[in-house]
All heavy atoms as atom14 arrays in JSON, in Angstrom:
{
  "sequence": "FGADLEGANLFGAYLAEANLKEANLWEANLWEANLFEAYLWGANLAE",
  "atom14_mask": [
    [1, 1, 1, 1, 1, 1, 1, 1, 1, 1, 1, 0, 0, 0],
    [1, 1, 1, 1, 0, 0, 0, 0, 0, 0, 0, 0, 0, 0],
    [1, 1, 1, 1, 1, 0, 0, 0, 0, 0, 0, 0, 0, 0],
    [1, 1, 1, 1, 1, 1, 1, 1, 0, 0, 0, 0, 0, 0],
    [1, 1, 1, 1, 1, 1, 1, 1, 0, 0, 0, 0, 0, 0],
    [1, 1, 1, 1, 1, 1, 1, 1, 1, 0, 0, 0, 0, 0],
    [1, 1, 1, 1, 0, 0, 0, 0, 0, 0, 0, 0, 0, 0],
    [1, 1, 1, 1, 1, 0, 0, 0, 0, 0, 0, 0, 0, 0],
    [1, 1, 1, 1, 1, 1, 1, 1, 0, 0, 0, 0, 0, 0],
    [1, 1, 1, 1, 1, 1, 1, 1, 0, 0, 0, 0, 0, 0],
    [1, 1, 1, 1, 1, 1, 1, 1, 1, 1, 1, 0, 0, 0],
    [1, 1, 1, 1, 0, 0, 0, 0, 0, 0, 0, 0, 0, 0],
    [1, 1, 1, 1, 1, 0, 0, 0, 0, 0, 0, 0, 0, 0],
    [1, 1, 1, 1, 1, 1, 1, 1, 1, 1, 1, 1, 0, 0],
    [1, 1, 1, 1, 1, 1, 1, 1, 0, 0, 0, 0, 0, 0],
    [1, 1, 1, 1, 1, 0, 0, 0, 0, 0, 0, 0, 0, 0],
    [1, 1, 1, 1, 1, 1, 1, 1, 1, 0, 0, 0, 0, 0],
    [1, 1, 1, 1, 1, 0, 0, 0, 0, 0, 0, 0, 0, 0],
    [1, 1, 1, 1, 1, 1, 1, 1, 0, 0, 0, 0, 0, 0],
    [1, 1, 1, 1, 1, 1, 1, 1, 0, 0, 0, 0, 0, 0],
    [1, 1, 1, 1, 1, 1, 1, 1, 1, 0, 0, 0, 0, 0],
    [1, 1, 1, 1, 1, 1, 1, 1, 1, 0, 0, 0, 0, 0],
    [1, 1, 1, 1, 1, 0, 0, 0, 0, 0, 0, 0, 0, 0],
    [1, 1, 1, 1, 1, 1, 1, 1, 0, 0, 0, 0, 0, 0],
    [1, 1, 1, 1, 1, 1, 1, 1, 0, 0, 0, 0, 0, 0],
    [1, 1, 1, 1, 1, 1, 1, 1, 1, 1, 1, 1, 1, 1],
    [1, 1, 1, 1, 1, 1, 1, 1, 1, 0, 0, 0, 0, 0],
    [1, 1, 1, 1, 1, 0, 0, 0, 0, 0, 0, 0, 0, 0],
    [1, 1, 1, 1, 1, 1, 1, 1, 0, 0, 0, 0, 0, 0],
    [1, 1, 1, 1, 1, 1, 1, 1, 0, 0, 0, 0, 0, 0],
    [1, 1, 1, 1, 1, 1, 1, 1, 1, 1, 1, 1, 1, 1],
    [1, 1, 1, 1, 1, 1, 1, 1, 1, 0, 0, 0, 0, 0],
    [1, 1, 1, 1, 1, 0, 0, 0, 0, 0, 0, 0, 0, 0],
    [1, 1, 1, 1, 1, 1, 1, 1, 0, 0, 0, 0, 0, 0],
    [1, 1, 1, 1, 1, 1, 1, 1, 0, 0, 0, 0, 0, 0],
    [1, 1, 1, 1, 1, 1, 1, 1, 1, 1, 1, 0, 0, 0],
    [1, 1, 1, 1, 1, 1, 1, 1, 1, 0, 0, 0, 0, 0],
    [1, 1, 1, 1, 1, 0, 0, 0, 0, 0, 0, 0, 0, 0],
    [1, 1, 1, 1, 1, 1, 1, 1, 1, 1, 1, 1, 0, 0],
    [1, 1, 1, 1, 1, 1, 1, 1, 0, 0, 0, 0, 0, 0],
    [1, 1, 1, 1, 1, 1, 1, 1, 1, 1, 1, 1, 1, 1],
    [1, 1, 1, 1, 0, 0, 0, 0, 0, 0, 0, 0, 0, 0],
    [1, 1, 1, 1, 1, 0, 0, 0, 0, 0, 0, 0, 0, 0],
    [1, 1, 1, 1, 1, 1, 1, 1, 0, 0, 0, 0, 0, 0],
    [1, 1, 1, 1, 1, 1, 1, 1, 0, 0, 0, 0, 0, 0],
    [1, 1, 1, 1, 1, 0, 0, 0, 0, 0, 0, 0, 0, 0],
    [1, 1, 1, 1, 1, 1, 1, 1, 1, 0, 0, 0, 0, 0]
  ],
  "atom14_positions": [
    [[0.84, -1.19, 0.0], [0.0, 0.0, 0.0], [0.89, 1.25, 0.0], [1.74, 1.42, 0.86], [-0.91, 0.0, 1.23], [-1.69, 1.27, 1.43], [-2.78, 1.55, 0.64], [-1.32, 2.18, 2.41], [-3.51, 2.72, 0.81], [-2.05, 3.35, 2.6], [-3.13, 3.62, 1.8], [0.0, 0.0, 0.0], [0.0, 0.0, 0.0], [0.0, 0.0, 0.0]],
    [[0.7, 2.09, -1.02], [1.44, 3.35, -1.09], [2.93, 3.2, -1.34], [3.67, 4.18, -1.22], [0.0, 0.0, 0.0], [0.0, 0.0, 0.0], [0.0, 0.0, 0.0], [0.0, 0.0, 0.0], [0.0, 0.0, 0.0], [0.0, 0.0, 0.0], [0.0, 0.0, 0.0], [0.0, 0.0, 0.0], [0.0, 0.0, 0.0], [0.0, 0.0, 0.0]],
    [[3.39, 2.03, -1.69], [4.83, 1.82, -1.94], [5.25, 2.51, -3.23], [4.45, 2.64, -4.17], [5.15, 0.34, -2.01], [0.0, 0.0, 0.0], [0.0, 0.0, 0.0], [0.0, 0.0, 0.0], [0.0, 0.0, 0.0], [0.0, 0.0, 0.0], [0.0, 0.0, 0.0], [0.0, 0.0, 0.0], [0.0, 0.0, 0.0], [0.0, 0.0, 0.0]],
    [[6.49, 2.95, -3.28], [7.02, 3.59, -4.49], [7.83, 2.55, -5.26], [8.95, 2.21, -4.88], [7.9, 4.78, -4.13], [8.33, 5.58, -5.36], [8.07, 5.11, -6.49], [8.91, 6.65, -5.18], [0.0, 0.0, 0.0], [0.0, 0.0, 0.0], [0.0, 0.0, 0.0], [0.0, 0.0, 0.0], [0.0, 0.0, 0.0], [0.0, 0.0, 0.0]],
    [[7.22, 2.04, -6.34], [7.84, 1.03, -7.19], [8.13, 1.61, -8.58], [8.17, 0.88, -9.56], [6.92, -0.18, -7.3], [6.77, -0.99, -6.01], [5.37, -1.55, -5.87], [7.79, -2.1, -5.98], [0.0, 0.0, 0.0], [0.0, 0.0, 0.0], [0.0, 0.0, 0.0], [0.0, 0.0, 0.0], [0.0, 0.0, 0.0], [0.0, 0.0, 0.0]],
    [[8.34, 2.92, -8.64], [8.6, 3.56, -9.92], [9.79, 2.91, -10.61], [10.86, 2.75, -10.02], [8.88, 5.05, -9.72], [9.16, 5.79, -11.0], [9.4, 7.28, -10.79], [8.79, 7.86, -9.87], [10.19, 7.84, -11.56], [0.0, 0.0, 0.0], [0.0, 0.0, 0.0], [0.0, 0.0, 0.0], [0.0, 0.0, 0.0], [0.0, 0.0, 0.0]],
    [[9.57, 2.48, -11.85], [10.64, 1.89, -12.65], [11.12, 0.53, -12.16], [12.14, 0.04, -12.64], [0.0, 0.0, 0.0], [0.0, 0.0, 0.0], [0.0, 0.0, 0.0], [0.0, 0.0, 0.0], [0.0, 0.0, 0.0], [0.0, 0.0, 0.0], [0.0, 0.0, 0.0], [0.0, 0.0, 0.0], [0.0, 0.0, 0.0], [0.0, 0.0, 0.0]],
    [[10.42, -0.07, -11.23], [10.84, -1.38, -10.71], [10.65, -2.46, -11.77], [9.76, -2.39, -12.6], [10.05, -1.73, -9.45], [0.0, 0.0, 0.0], [0.0, 0.0, 0.0], [0.0, 0.0, 0.0], [0.0, 0.0, 0.0], [0.0, 0.0, 0.0], [0.0, 0.0, 0.0], [0.0, 0.0, 0.0], [0.0, 0.0, 0.0], [0.0, 0.0, 0.0]],
    [[11.5, -3.49, -11.7], [11.39, -4.63, -12.6], [10.67, -5.75, -11.87], [11.24, -6.39, -10.97], [12.76, -5.1, -13.08], [12.66, -6.26, -14.05], [11.58, -6.6, -14.53], [13.79, -6.87, -14.34], [0.0, 0.0, 0.0], [0.0, 0.0, 0.0], [0.0, 0.0, 0.0], [0.0, 0.0, 0.0], [0.0, 0.0, 0.0], [0.0, 0.0, 0.0]],
    [[9.4, -5.97, -12.22], [8.57, -7.02, -11.62], [8.24, -8.08, -12.66], [7.21, -8.73, -12.6], [7.3, -6.4, -11.04], [7.53, -5.49, -9.84], [6.54, -4.35, -9.8], [7.5, -6.29, -8.56], [0.0, 0.0, 0.0], [0.0, 0.0, 0.0], [0.0, 0.0, 0.0], [0.0, 0.0, 0.0], [0.0, 0.0, 0.0], [0.0, 0.0, 0.0]],
    [[9.15, -8.28, -13.62], [8.94, -9.27, -14.66], [8.68, -10.63, -14.03], [9.47, -11.14, -13.23], [10.17, -9.35, -15.58], [10.12, -10.5, -16.55], [9.4, -10.4, -17.72], [10.76, -11.69, -16.27], [9.34, -11.45, -18.61], [10.72, -12.76, -17.15], [10.0, -12.64, -18.33], [0.0, 0.0, 0.0], [0.0, 0.0, 0.0], [0.0, 0.0, 0.0]],
    [[7.54, -11.23, -14.37], [7.21, -12.57, -13.89], [7.0, -12.68, -12.39], [6.97, -13.78, -11.85], [0.0, 0.0, 0.0], [0.0, 0.0, 0.0], [0.0, 0.0, 0.0], [0.0, 0.0, 0.0], [0.0, 0.0, 0.0], [0.0, 0.0, 0.0], [0.0, 0.0, 0.0], [0.0, 0.0, 0.0], [0.0, 0.0, 0.0], [0.0, 0.0, 0.0]],
    [[6.86, -11.56, -11.71], [6.66, -11.59, -10.25], [5.28, -12.15, -9.91], [4.33, -12.03, -10.68], [6.81, -10.19, -9.67], [0.0, 0.0, 0.0], [0.0, 0.0, 0.0], [0.0, 0.0, 0.0], [0.0, 0.0, 0.0], [0.0, 0.0, 0.0], [0.0, 0.0, 0.0], [0.0, 0.0, 0.0], [0.0, 0.0, 0.0], [0.0, 0.0, 0.0]],
    [[5.2, -12.78, -8.76], [3.94, -13.37, -8.28], [3.36, -12.44, -7.22], [3.86, -12.36, -6.09], [4.2, -14.77, -7.72], [2.93, -15.53, -7.43], [2.15, -16.01, -8.49], [2.52, -15.79, -6.14], [0.98, -16.71, -8.24], [1.36, -16.5, -5.89], [0.59, -16.96, -6.94], [-0.56, -17.66, -6.7], [0.0, 0.0, 0.0], [0.0, 0.0, 0.0]],
    [[2.32, -11.7, -7.62], [1.69, -10.69, -6.77], [0.22, -11.0, -6.51], [-0.58, -10.11, -6.25], [1.81, -9.32, -7.43], [3.24, -8.76, -7.52], [3.4, -7.92, -8.76], [3.57, -7.98, -6.28], [0.0, 0.0, 0.0], [0.0, 0.0, 0.0], [0.0, 0.0, 0.0], [0.0, 0.0, 0.0], [0.0, 0.0, 0.0], [0.0, 0.0, 0.0]],
    [[-0.14, -12.28, -6.56], [-1.54, -12.66, -6.34], [-1.99, -12.15, -4.97], [-1.29, -12.29, -3.98], [-1.7, -14.17, -6.42], [0.0, 0.0, 0.0], [0.0, 0.0, 0.0], [0.0, 0.0, 0.0], [0.0, 0.0, 0.0], [0.0, 0.0, 0.0], [0.0, 0.0, 0.0], [0.0, 0.0, 0.0], [0.0, 0.0, 0.0], [0.0, 0.0, 0.0]],
    [[-3.16, -11.54, -4.95], [-3.8, -11.03, -3.74], [-2.95, -10.0, -2.99], [-3.16, -9.74, -1.8], [-4.21, -12.18, -2.82], [-5.23, -13.1, -3.48], [-5.66, -14.27, -2.6], [-5.14, -14.42, -1.48], [-6.53, -15.03, -3.05], [0.0, 0.0, 0.0], [0.0, 0.0, 0.0], [0.0, 0.0, 0.0], [0.0, 0.0, 0.0], [0.0, 0.0, 0.0]],
    [[-1.99, -9.39, -3.67], [-1.17, -8.34, -3.05], [-1.97, -7.04, -2.97], [-2.83, -6.77, -3.82], [0.1, -8.12, -3.85], [0.0, 0.0, 0.0], [0.0, 0.0, 0.0], [0.0, 0.0, 0.0], [0.0, 0.0, 0.0], [0.0, 0.0, 0.0], [0.0, 0.0, 0.0], [0.0, 0.0, 0.0], [0.0, 0.0, 0.0], [0.0, 0.0, 0.0]],
    [[-1.69, -6.24, -1.95], [-2.32, -4.94, -1.79], [-1.38, -3.88, -2.37], [-0.36, -3.57, -1.77], [-2.6, -4.65, -0.31], [-3.21, -3.28, -0.1], [-3.55, -2.58, -1.04], [-3.36, -2.89, 1.16], [0.0, 0.0, 0.0], [0.0, 0.0, 0.0], [0.0, 0.0, 0.0], [0.0, 0.0, 0.0], [0.0, 0.0, 0.0], [0.0, 0.0, 0.0]],
    [[-1.74, -3.37, -3.54], [-0.98, -2.32, -4.2], [-1.79, -1.03, -4.28], [-1.58, -0.21, -5.17], [-0.56, -2.79, -5.6], [0.48, -3.91, -5.6], [0.29, -4.84, -6.78], [1.87, -3.35, -5.57], [0.0, 0.0, 0.0], [0.0, 0.0, 0.0], [0.0, 0.0, 0.0], [0.0, 0.0, 0.0], [0.0, 0.0, 0.0], [0.0, 0.0, 0.0]],
    [[-2.7, -0.86, -3.33], [-3.55, 0.33, -3.31], [-2.66, 1.57, -3.25], [-1.75, 1.66, -2.43], [-4.48, 0.31, -2.1], [-5.39, 1.51, -2.01], [-6.28, 1.45, -0.78], [-7.18, 2.67, -0.72], [-8.0, 2.69, 0.48], [0.0, 0.0, 0.0], [0.0, 0.0, 0.0], [0.0, 0.0, 0.0], [0.0, 0.0, 0.0], [0.0, 0.0, 0.0]],
    [[-2.92, 2.49, -4.18], [-2.23, 3.78, -4.27], [-0.72, 3.66, -4.42], [0.03, 4.59, -4.14], [-2.58, 4.66, -3.07], [-4.07, 4.98, -3.02], [-4.48, 5.8, -1.8], [-3.6, 6.3, -1.07], [-5.69, 5.93, -1.58], [0.0, 0.0, 0.0], [0.0, 0.0, 0.0], [0.0, 0.0, 0.0], [0.0, 0.0, 0.0], [0.0, 0.0, 0.0]],
    [[-0.24, 2.49, -4.86], [1.19, 2.31, -5.11], [1.6, 3.06, -6.38], [0.8, 3.21, -7.3], [1.53, 0.83, -5.24], [0.0, 0.0, 0.0], [0.0, 0.0, 0.0], [0.0, 0.0, 0.0], [0.0, 0.0, 0.0], [0.0, 0.0, 0.0], [0.0, 0.0, 0.0], [0.0, 0.0, 0.0], [0.0, 0.0, 0.0], [0.0, 0.0, 0.0]],
    [[2.84, 3.51, -6.41], [3.37, 4.17, -7.59], [4.14, 3.13, -8.41], [5.22, 2.71, -8.01], [4.29, 5.34, -7.21], [4.85, 6.03, -8.43], [4.32, 5.91, -9.54], [5.94, 6.75, -8.25], [0.0, 0.0, 0.0], [0.0, 0.0, 0.0], [0.0, 0.0, 0.0], [0.0, 0.0, 0.0], [0.0, 0.0, 0.0], [0.0, 0.0, 0.0]],
    [[3.56, 2.74, -9.54], [4.17, 1.77, -10.44], [4.46, 2.41, -11.8], [4.47, 1.74, -12.82], [3.25, 0.56, -10.59], [3.09, -0.29, -9.33], [1.73, -0.94, -9.26], [4.18, -1.33, -9.26], [0.0, 0.0, 0.0], [0.0, 0.0, 0.0], [0.0, 0.0, 0.0], [0.0, 0.0, 0.0], [0.0, 0.0, 0.0], [0.0, 0.0, 0.0]],
    [[4.7, 3.71, -11.79], [4.98, 4.43, -13.03], [6.21, 3.84, -13.7], [7.26, 3.64, -13.07], [5.2, 5.92, -12.74], [5.4, 6.76, -13.96], [4.5, 6.99, -14.95], [6.58, 7.47, -14.3], [5.05, 7.8, -15.9], [6.34, 8.12, -15.53], [7.82, 7.61, -13.69], [7.28, 8.9, -16.16], [8.77, 8.41, -14.32], [8.49, 9.03, -15.55]],
    [[6.04, 3.47, -14.95], [7.08, 2.87, -15.79], [7.64, 1.56, -15.23], [8.74, 1.14, -15.57], [8.23, 3.85, -16.05], [7.85, 4.98, -16.97], [9.05, 5.8, -17.43], [10.09, 5.81, -16.75], [8.92, 6.44, -18.49], [0.0, 0.0, 0.0], [0.0, 0.0, 0.0], [0.0, 0.0, 0.0], [0.0, 0.0, 0.0], [0.0, 0.0, 0.0]],
    [[6.88, 0.89, -14.38], [7.32, -0.41, -13.85], [7.15, -1.48, -14.92], [6.26, -1.4, -15.78], [6.51, -0.78, -12.61], [0.0, 0.0, 0.0], [0.0, 0.0, 0.0], [0.0, 0.0, 0.0], [0.0, 0.0, 0.0], [0.0, 0.0, 0.0], [0.0, 0.0, 0.0], [0.0, 0.0, 0.0], [0.0, 0.0, 0.0], [0.0, 0.0, 0.0]],
    [[8.0, -2.49, -14.86], [7.9, -3.61, -15.79], [7.18, -4.76, -15.09], [7.74, -5.4, -14.21], [9.29, -4.07, -16.24], [9.23, -5.24, -17.2], [8.19, -5.51, -17.8], [10.32, -5.96, -17.33], [0.0, 0.0, 0.0], [0.0, 0.0, 0.0], [0.0, 0.0, 0.0], [0.0, 0.0, 0.0], [0.0, 0.0, 0.0], [0.0, 0.0, 0.0]],
    [[5.92, -4.97, -15.48], [5.1, -6.04, -14.92], [4.8, -7.09, -15.99], [3.78, -7.77, -15.94], [3.8, -5.46, -14.35], [3.99, -4.58, -13.11], [2.97, -3.48, -13.04], [3.96, -5.43, -11.87], [0.0, 0.0, 0.0], [0.0, 0.0, 0.0], [0.0, 0.0, 0.0], [0.0, 0.0, 0.0], [0.0, 0.0, 0.0], [0.0, 0.0, 0.0]],
    [[5.7, -7.22, -16.93], [5.52, -8.17, -18.03], [5.38, -9.57, -17.44], [6.21, -10.03, -16.66], [6.71, -8.08, -18.98], [6.61, -8.92, -20.22], [5.49, -9.27, -20.89], [7.7, -9.49, -20.93], [5.81, -10.03, -21.99], [7.17, -10.19, -22.04], [9.07, -9.49, -20.74], [7.97, -10.87, -22.95], [9.87, -10.16, -21.65], [9.31, -10.84, -22.74]],
    [[4.3, -10.22, -17.81], [3.96, -11.58, -17.39], [3.87, -11.74, -15.86], [4.0, -12.84, -15.34], [4.94, -12.6, -17.98], [4.82, -12.69, -19.5], [5.67, -13.79, -20.11], [6.38, -14.51, -19.37], [5.61, -13.93, -21.34], [0.0, 0.0, 0.0], [0.0, 0.0, 0.0], [0.0, 0.0, 0.0], [0.0, 0.0, 0.0], [0.0, 0.0, 0.0]],
    [[3.63, -10.66, -15.15], [3.44, -10.73, -13.69], [2.06, -11.33, -13.4], [1.12, -11.14, -14.15], [3.55, -9.35, -13.07], [0.0, 0.0, 0.0], [0.0, 0.0, 0.0], [0.0, 0.0, 0.0], [0.0, 0.0, 0.0], [0.0, 0.0, 0.0], [0.0, 0.0, 0.0], [0.0, 0.0, 0.0], [0.0, 0.0, 0.0], [0.0, 0.0, 0.0]],
    [[1.97, -12.06, -12.3], [0.7, -12.64, -11.88], [0.1, -11.74, -10.81], [0.61, -11.67, -9.69], [0.91, -14.05, -11.32], [-0.41, -14.75, -11.0], [-1.4, -14.11, -10.66], [-0.41, -16.06, -11.09], [0.0, 0.0, 0.0], [0.0, 0.0, 0.0], [0.0, 0.0, 0.0], [0.0, 0.0, 0.0], [0.0, 0.0, 0.0], [0.0, 0.0, 0.0]],
    [[-0.95, -11.02, -11.19], [-1.64, -10.09, -10.31], [-3.07, -10.57, -10.04], [-3.99, -9.79, -9.9], [-1.65, -8.7, -10.93], [-0.26, -8.04, -11.01], [-0.14, -7.16, -12.23], [0.04, -7.28, -9.75], [0.0, 0.0, 0.0], [0.0, 0.0, 0.0], [0.0, 0.0, 0.0], [0.0, 0.0, 0.0], [0.0, 0.0, 0.0], [0.0, 0.0, 0.0]],
    [[-3.24, -11.88, -9.94], [-4.56, -12.47, -9.7], [-5.15, -11.89, -8.43], [-4.56, -11.95, -7.35], [-4.44, -14.0, -9.58], [-5.71, -14.69, -9.19], [-6.74, -14.82, -10.09], [-5.86, -15.21, -7.91], [-7.92, -15.46, -9.74], [-7.03, -15.86, -7.55], [-8.07, -15.98, -8.46], [0.0, 0.0, 0.0], [0.0, 0.0, 0.0], [0.0, 0.0, 0.0]],
    [[-6.33, -11.29, -8.58], [-7.08, -10.69, -7.47], [-6.26, -9.68, -6.66], [-6.51, -9.46, -5.48], [-7.69, -11.76, -6.58], [-8.76, -12.56, -7.29], [-9.53, -13.52, -6.4], [-9.2, -13.67, -5.2], [-10.48, -14.14, -6.91], [0.0, 0.0, 0.0], [0.0, 0.0, 0.0], [0.0, 0.0, 0.0], [0.0, 0.0, 0.0], [0.0, 0.0, 0.0]],
    [[-5.28, -9.05, -7.31], [-4.5, -8.01, -6.64], [-5.37, -6.76, -6.49], [-6.27, -6.5, -7.28], [-3.25, -7.68, -7.44], [0.0, 0.0, 0.0], [0.0, 0.0, 0.0], [0.0, 0.0, 0.0], [0.0, 0.0, 0.0], [0.0, 0.0, 0.0], [0.0, 0.0, 0.0], [0.0, 0.0, 0.0], [0.0, 0.0, 0.0], [0.0, 0.0, 0.0]],
    [[-5.08, -6.0, -5.45], [-5.83, -4.79, -5.15], [-5.0, -3.6, -5.6], [-4.02, -3.23, -4.94], [-6.13, -4.73, -3.65], [-7.11, -3.67, -3.26], [-8.42, -3.7, -3.72], [-6.74, -2.64, -2.41], [-9.34, -2.72, -3.36], [-7.64, -1.66, -2.04], [-8.94, -1.71, -2.51], [-9.85, -0.73, -2.14], [0.0, 0.0, 0.0], [0.0, 0.0, 0.0]],
    [[-5.37, -3.03, -6.76], [-4.63, -1.93, -7.37], [-5.44, -0.64, -7.4], [-5.22, 0.23, -8.23], [-4.21, -2.32, -8.79], [-3.18, -3.44, -8.88], [-3.4, -4.3, -10.1], [-1.79, -2.87, -8.86], [0.0, 0.0, 0.0], [0.0, 0.0, 0.0], [0.0, 0.0, 0.0], [0.0, 0.0, 0.0], [0.0, 0.0, 0.0], [0.0, 0.0, 0.0]],
    [[-6.37, -0.51, -6.46], [-7.24, 0.66, -6.42], [-6.38, 1.93, -6.3], [-5.56, 2.06, -5.41], [-8.18, 0.56, -5.21], [-9.2, 1.64, -5.14], [-10.45, 1.61, -5.68], [-9.09, 2.89, -4.48], [-11.11, 2.77, -5.39], [-10.29, 3.59, -4.66], [-8.07, 3.5, -3.76], [-10.51, 4.85, -4.15], [-8.28, 4.77, -3.24], [-9.5, 5.42, -3.45]],
    [[-6.57, 2.83, -7.27], [-5.87, 4.1, -7.24], [-4.37, 4.04, -7.51], [-3.67, 5.03, -7.32], [0.0, 0.0, 0.0], [0.0, 0.0, 0.0], [0.0, 0.0, 0.0], [0.0, 0.0, 0.0], [0.0, 0.0, 0.0], [0.0, 0.0, 0.0], [0.0, 0.0, 0.0], [0.0, 0.0, 0.0], [0.0, 0.0, 0.0], [0.0, 0.0, 0.0]],
    [[-3.88, 2.9, -7.96], [-2.45, 2.77, -8.24], [-2.07, 3.55, -9.49], [-2.87, 3.71, -10.41], [-2.07, 1.29, -8.42], [0.0, 0.0, 0.0], [0.0, 0.0, 0.0], [0.0, 0.0, 0.0], [0.0, 0.0, 0.0], [0.0, 0.0, 0.0], [0.0, 0.0, 0.0], [0.0, 0.0, 0.0], [0.0, 0.0, 0.0], [0.0, 0.0, 0.0]],
    [[-0.84, 4.05, -9.53], [-0.34, 4.75, -10.7], [0.41, 3.74, -11.56], [1.53, 3.35, -11.24], [0.6, 5.89, -10.3], [1.12, 6.65, -11.51], [0.65, 6.45, -12.63], [2.1, 7.51, -11.29], [0.0, 0.0, 0.0], [0.0, 0.0, 0.0], [0.0, 0.0, 0.0], [0.0, 0.0, 0.0], [0.0, 0.0, 0.0], [0.0, 0.0, 0.0]],
    [[-0.23, 3.32, -12.65], [0.35, 2.38, -13.6], [0.66, 3.06, -14.93], [0.79, 2.4, -15.95], [-0.6, 1.2, -13.81], [-0.74, 0.26, -12.61], [-2.06, -0.49, -12.64], [0.42, -0.71, -12.56], [0.0, 0.0, 0.0], [0.0, 0.0, 0.0], [0.0, 0.0, 0.0], [0.0, 0.0, 0.0], [0.0, 0.0, 0.0], [0.0, 0.0, 0.0]],
    [[0.78, 4.38, -14.91], [1.06, 5.13, -16.14], [2.38, 4.64, -16.73], [3.37, 4.47, -16.02], [1.14, 6.62, -15.84], [0.0, 0.0, 0.0], [0.0, 0.0, 0.0], [0.0, 0.0, 0.0], [0.0, 0.0, 0.0], [0.0, 0.0, 0.0], [0.0, 0.0, 0.0], [0.0, 0.0, 0.0], [0.0, 0.0, 0.0], [0.0, 0.0, 0.0]],
    [[2.36, 4.38, -18.04], [3.54, 3.95, -18.79], [4.09, 2.6, -18.33], [5.2, 2.21, -18.7], [4.65, 5.0, -18.75], [4.22, 6.38, -19.21], [3.83, 6.45, -20.68], [4.42, 5.71, -21.49], [2.95, 7.27, -21.01], [0.0, 0.0, 0.0], [0.0, 0.0, 0.0], [0.0, 0.0, 0.0], [0.0, 0.0, 0.0], [0.0, 0.0, 0.0]]
  ]
}
């Protein structure tokens, strides 16, 4: 929640049921990441 993951490499990461509410994921690499039922309410996923 609210973590700053700007530009982080989360390639293939397993984030099932993770709480990413209001997290900053601007320009993060989530290629093939598993976000099954993840909570991304209000997260910044721009770019």
